Amino acid sequence: MFYVYIIYSKTLDLYYKGFSEDVAQRLLYHNENRSRYTSDKGPWELVYSKSFETKKEALIEELRLKKLNRKSIETLIK
């Protein structure tokens, strides 16, 4: 399975959208400052994830999520 996810930093009031085959492991990377963009911006919490059968489907969805504005993201995760 392939996943898209949204994580949230309360510290910066910031959402980050990404793609992974293992969401739990990826969240750990973000919180251990092992991801360049999200390092020193956490702690991060998972607020949304969705699974896909193919990598292509997940990457298409990730691109769609990255184009969403904040209001649309918050509507999605509710």
N, C-alpha and C. Protein backbone atom coordinates (compact mmCIF):
# COMPACT_ATOMS: atom_id res chain seq x y z
N MET A 1 0.83 -1.19 0.00
CA MET A 1 0.00 0.00 0.00
C MET A 1 0.88 1.25 0.00
N PHE A 2 0.30 2.30 -0.53
CA PHE A 2 0.96 3.61 -0.57
C PHE A 2 0.02 4.62 0.07
N TYR A 3 0.60 5.60 0.72
CA TYR A 3 -0.20 6.53 1.51
C TYR A 3 0.17 7.98 1.22
N VAL A 4 -0.82 8.84 1.32
CA VAL A 4 -0.58 10.27 1.43
C VAL A 4 -0.98 10.65 2.85
N TYR A 5 -0.34 11.65 3.38
CA TYR A 5 -0.62 12.02 4.76
C TYR A 5 -0.48 13.53 4.93
N ILE A 6 -1.10 14.01 5.98
CA ILE A 6 -0.94 15.40 6.41
C ILE A 6 -0.56 15.36 7.88
N ILE A 7 0.51 16.06 8.20
CA ILE A 7 0.93 16.19 9.60
C ILE A 7 0.83 17.67 9.98
N TYR A 8 0.73 17.91 11.28
CA TYR A 8 0.51 19.27 11.77
C TYR A 8 1.47 19.58 12.91
N SER A 9 2.05 20.77 12.86
CA SER A 9 2.90 21.27 13.94
C SER A 9 2.15 22.36 14.70
N LYS A 10 1.83 22.09 15.96
CA LYS A 10 1.18 23.12 16.79
C LYS A 10 2.15 24.27 17.06
N THR A 11 3.42 23.96 17.13
CA THR A 11 4.44 24.96 17.40
C THR A 11 4.38 26.10 16.39
N LEU A 12 4.28 25.74 15.11
CA LEU A 12 4.26 26.74 14.03
C LEU A 12 2.90 26.92 13.39
N ASP A 13 1.90 26.15 13.85
CA ASP A 13 0.57 26.18 13.23
C ASP A 13 0.72 25.94 11.72
N LEU A 14 1.36 24.81 11.39
CA LEU A 14 1.74 24.52 10.01
C LEU A 14 1.36 23.10 9.63
N TYR A 15 0.85 22.94 8.41
CA TYR A 15 0.54 21.62 7.86
C TYR A 15 1.62 21.23 6.86
N TYR A 16 1.92 19.93 6.83
CA TYR A 16 2.87 19.40 5.85
C TYR A 16 2.21 18.20 5.19
N LYS A 17 2.27 18.13 3.87
CA LYS A 17 1.67 17.03 3.12
C LYS A 17 2.77 16.18 2.52
N GLY A 18 2.58 14.85 2.56
CA GLY A 18 3.60 13.97 2.02
C GLY A 18 3.06 12.63 1.56
N PHE A 19 3.98 11.78 1.13
CA PHE A 19 3.71 10.46 0.57
C PHE A 19 4.66 9.47 1.23
N SER A 20 4.18 8.26 1.49
CA SER A 20 5.03 7.24 2.09
C SER A 20 4.41 5.86 1.93
N GLU A 21 5.25 4.85 2.05
CA GLU A 21 4.76 3.47 2.13
C GLU A 21 4.52 3.07 3.58
N ASP A 22 5.07 3.83 4.52
CA ASP A 22 4.93 3.53 5.95
C ASP A 22 4.74 4.85 6.70
N VAL A 23 3.50 5.20 6.94
CA VAL A 23 3.19 6.50 7.55
C VAL A 23 3.75 6.61 8.96
N ALA A 24 3.65 5.55 9.74
CA ALA A 24 4.15 5.60 11.12
C ALA A 24 5.66 5.86 11.14
N GLN A 25 6.39 5.18 10.28
CA GLN A 25 7.84 5.37 10.21
C GLN A 25 8.18 6.78 9.72
N ARG A 26 7.42 7.25 8.76
CA ARG A 26 7.66 8.59 8.21
C ARG A 26 7.40 9.66 9.27
N LEU A 27 6.35 9.49 10.06
CA LEU A 27 6.07 10.44 11.14
C LEU A 27 7.22 10.46 12.14
N LEU A 28 7.74 9.30 12.43
CA LEU A 28 8.90 9.20 13.32
C LEU A 28 10.08 9.98 12.75
N TYR A 29 10.35 9.85 11.46
CA TYR A 29 11.43 10.61 10.81
C TYR A 29 11.21 12.11 10.98
N HIS A 30 9.98 12.55 10.75
CA HIS A 30 9.70 13.98 10.90
C HIS A 30 9.95 14.45 12.33
N ASN A 31 9.55 13.66 13.30
CA ASN A 31 9.71 14.05 14.70
C ASN A 31 11.13 13.88 15.22
N GLU A 32 11.94 13.11 14.52
CA GLU A 32 13.35 12.95 14.91
C GLU A 32 14.26 13.89 14.12
N ASN A 33 13.66 14.85 13.43
CA ASN A 33 14.42 15.83 12.64
C ASN A 33 15.27 15.20 11.56
N ARG A 34 14.77 14.11 10.97
CA ARG A 34 15.51 13.42 9.92
C ARG A 34 14.97 13.78 8.53
N SER A 35 14.05 14.70 8.49
CA SER A 35 13.49 15.18 7.23
C SER A 35 13.85 16.66 7.12
N ARG A 36 14.49 17.04 6.04
CA ARG A 36 15.05 18.39 5.91
C ARG A 36 14.02 19.50 6.15
N TYR A 37 12.91 19.46 5.46
CA TYR A 37 11.94 20.56 5.56
C TYR A 37 11.30 20.65 6.95
N THR A 38 11.02 19.52 7.56
CA THR A 38 10.28 19.54 8.83
C THR A 38 11.17 19.53 10.07
N SER A 39 12.47 19.45 9.89
CA SER A 39 13.34 19.40 11.06
C SER A 39 13.23 20.69 11.86
N ASP A 40 13.24 20.56 13.16
CA ASP A 40 13.16 21.68 14.10
C ASP A 40 11.86 22.47 14.00
N LYS A 41 10.81 21.87 13.45
CA LYS A 41 9.53 22.55 13.34
C LYS A 41 8.43 21.81 14.09
N GLY A 42 8.77 20.70 14.70
CA GLY A 42 7.78 19.86 15.37
C GLY A 42 7.60 20.26 16.81
N PRO A 43 6.94 19.42 17.58
CA PRO A 43 6.55 18.05 17.21
C PRO A 43 5.40 18.04 16.20
N TRP A 44 5.37 16.97 15.43
CA TRP A 44 4.36 16.77 14.39
C TRP A 44 3.36 15.72 14.83
N GLU A 45 2.10 15.92 14.46
CA GLU A 45 1.09 14.90 14.71
C GLU A 45 0.38 14.58 13.40
N LEU A 46 0.05 13.32 13.23
CA LEU A 46 -0.67 12.88 12.04
C LEU A 46 -2.12 13.31 12.16
N VAL A 47 -2.61 14.05 11.17
CA VAL A 47 -4.01 14.50 11.21
C VAL A 47 -4.84 13.91 10.06
N TYR A 48 -4.17 13.29 9.08
CA TYR A 48 -4.90 12.72 7.94
C TYR A 48 -4.01 11.73 7.22
N SER A 49 -4.59 10.62 6.77
CA SER A 49 -3.89 9.71 5.87
C SER A 49 -4.92 8.98 5.02
N LYS A 50 -4.50 8.61 3.84
CA LYS A 50 -5.36 7.88 2.91
C LYS A 50 -4.49 6.89 2.15
N SER A 51 -5.00 5.67 1.98
CA SER A 51 -4.22 4.62 1.32
C SER A 51 -4.63 4.48 -0.14
N PHE A 52 -3.67 3.99 -0.93
CA PHE A 52 -3.87 3.76 -2.36
C PHE A 52 -3.20 2.45 -2.74
N GLU A 53 -3.76 1.81 -3.74
CA GLU A 53 -3.21 0.54 -4.23
C GLU A 53 -1.90 0.75 -4.98
N THR A 54 -1.81 1.84 -5.73
CA THR A 54 -0.61 2.05 -6.55
C THR A 54 0.12 3.32 -6.14
N LYS A 55 1.41 3.31 -6.41
CA LYS A 55 2.24 4.48 -6.14
C LYS A 55 1.78 5.67 -6.98
N LYS A 56 1.43 5.41 -8.22
CA LYS A 56 0.99 6.47 -9.12
C LYS A 56 -0.24 7.19 -8.57
N GLU A 57 -1.23 6.43 -8.09
CA GLU A 57 -2.44 7.04 -7.51
C GLU A 57 -2.09 7.92 -6.30
N ALA A 58 -1.20 7.41 -5.45
CA ALA A 58 -0.82 8.15 -4.25
C ALA A 58 -0.08 9.44 -4.60
N LEU A 59 0.80 9.37 -5.58
CA LEU A 59 1.55 10.57 -5.96
C LEU A 59 0.65 11.62 -6.60
N ILE A 60 -0.33 11.17 -7.37
CA ILE A 60 -1.30 12.11 -7.95
C ILE A 60 -2.08 12.80 -6.84
N GLU A 61 -2.50 12.03 -5.83
CA GLU A 61 -3.23 12.61 -4.70
C GLU A 61 -2.35 13.55 -3.89
N GLU A 62 -1.08 13.19 -3.71
CA GLU A 62 -0.16 14.07 -2.98
C GLU A 62 -0.06 15.43 -3.69
N LEU A 63 0.07 15.42 -5.00
CA LEU A 63 0.14 16.68 -5.75
C LEU A 63 -1.14 17.49 -5.58
N ARG A 64 -2.28 16.81 -5.58
CA ARG A 64 -3.55 17.50 -5.38
C ARG A 64 -3.60 18.14 -4.00
N LEU A 65 -3.18 17.38 -2.97
CA LEU A 65 -3.19 17.91 -1.61
C LEU A 65 -2.27 19.12 -1.47
N LYS A 66 -1.13 19.08 -2.12
CA LYS A 66 -0.16 20.17 -2.00
C LYS A 66 -0.68 21.46 -2.61
N LYS A 67 -1.67 21.36 -3.48
CA LYS A 67 -2.26 22.55 -4.10
C LYS A 67 -3.39 23.16 -3.27
N LEU A 68 -3.84 22.44 -2.26
CA LEU A 68 -4.97 22.92 -1.45
C LEU A 68 -4.55 24.08 -0.54
N ASN A 69 -5.46 25.01 -0.35
CA ASN A 69 -5.20 26.08 0.61
C ASN A 69 -5.53 25.58 2.02
N ARG A 70 -5.21 26.37 3.00
CA ARG A 70 -5.38 25.97 4.39
C ARG A 70 -6.84 25.63 4.72
N LYS A 71 -7.77 26.44 4.26
CA LYS A 71 -9.18 26.19 4.54
C LYS A 71 -9.62 24.84 3.98
N SER A 72 -9.18 24.52 2.78
CA SER A 72 -9.53 23.23 2.17
C SER A 72 -8.91 22.06 2.93
N ILE A 73 -7.68 22.24 3.40
CA ILE A 73 -7.02 21.20 4.19
C ILE A 73 -7.80 20.96 5.49
N GLU A 74 -8.17 22.03 6.15
CA GLU A 74 -8.88 21.89 7.42
C GLU A 74 -10.27 21.29 7.23
N THR A 75 -10.91 21.56 6.12
CA THR A 75 -12.19 20.92 5.80
C THR A 75 -11.99 19.43 5.57
N LEU A 76 -10.95 19.07 4.87
CA LEU A 76 -10.64 17.67 4.58
C LEU A 76 -10.38 16.86 5.84
N ILE A 77 -9.65 17.41 6.78
CA ILE A 77 -9.25 16.63 7.95
C ILE A 77 -10.32 16.57 9.04
N LYS A 78 -11.39 17.33 8.88
CA LYS A 78 -12.47 17.29 9.89
C LYS A 78 -13.34 16.08 9.71
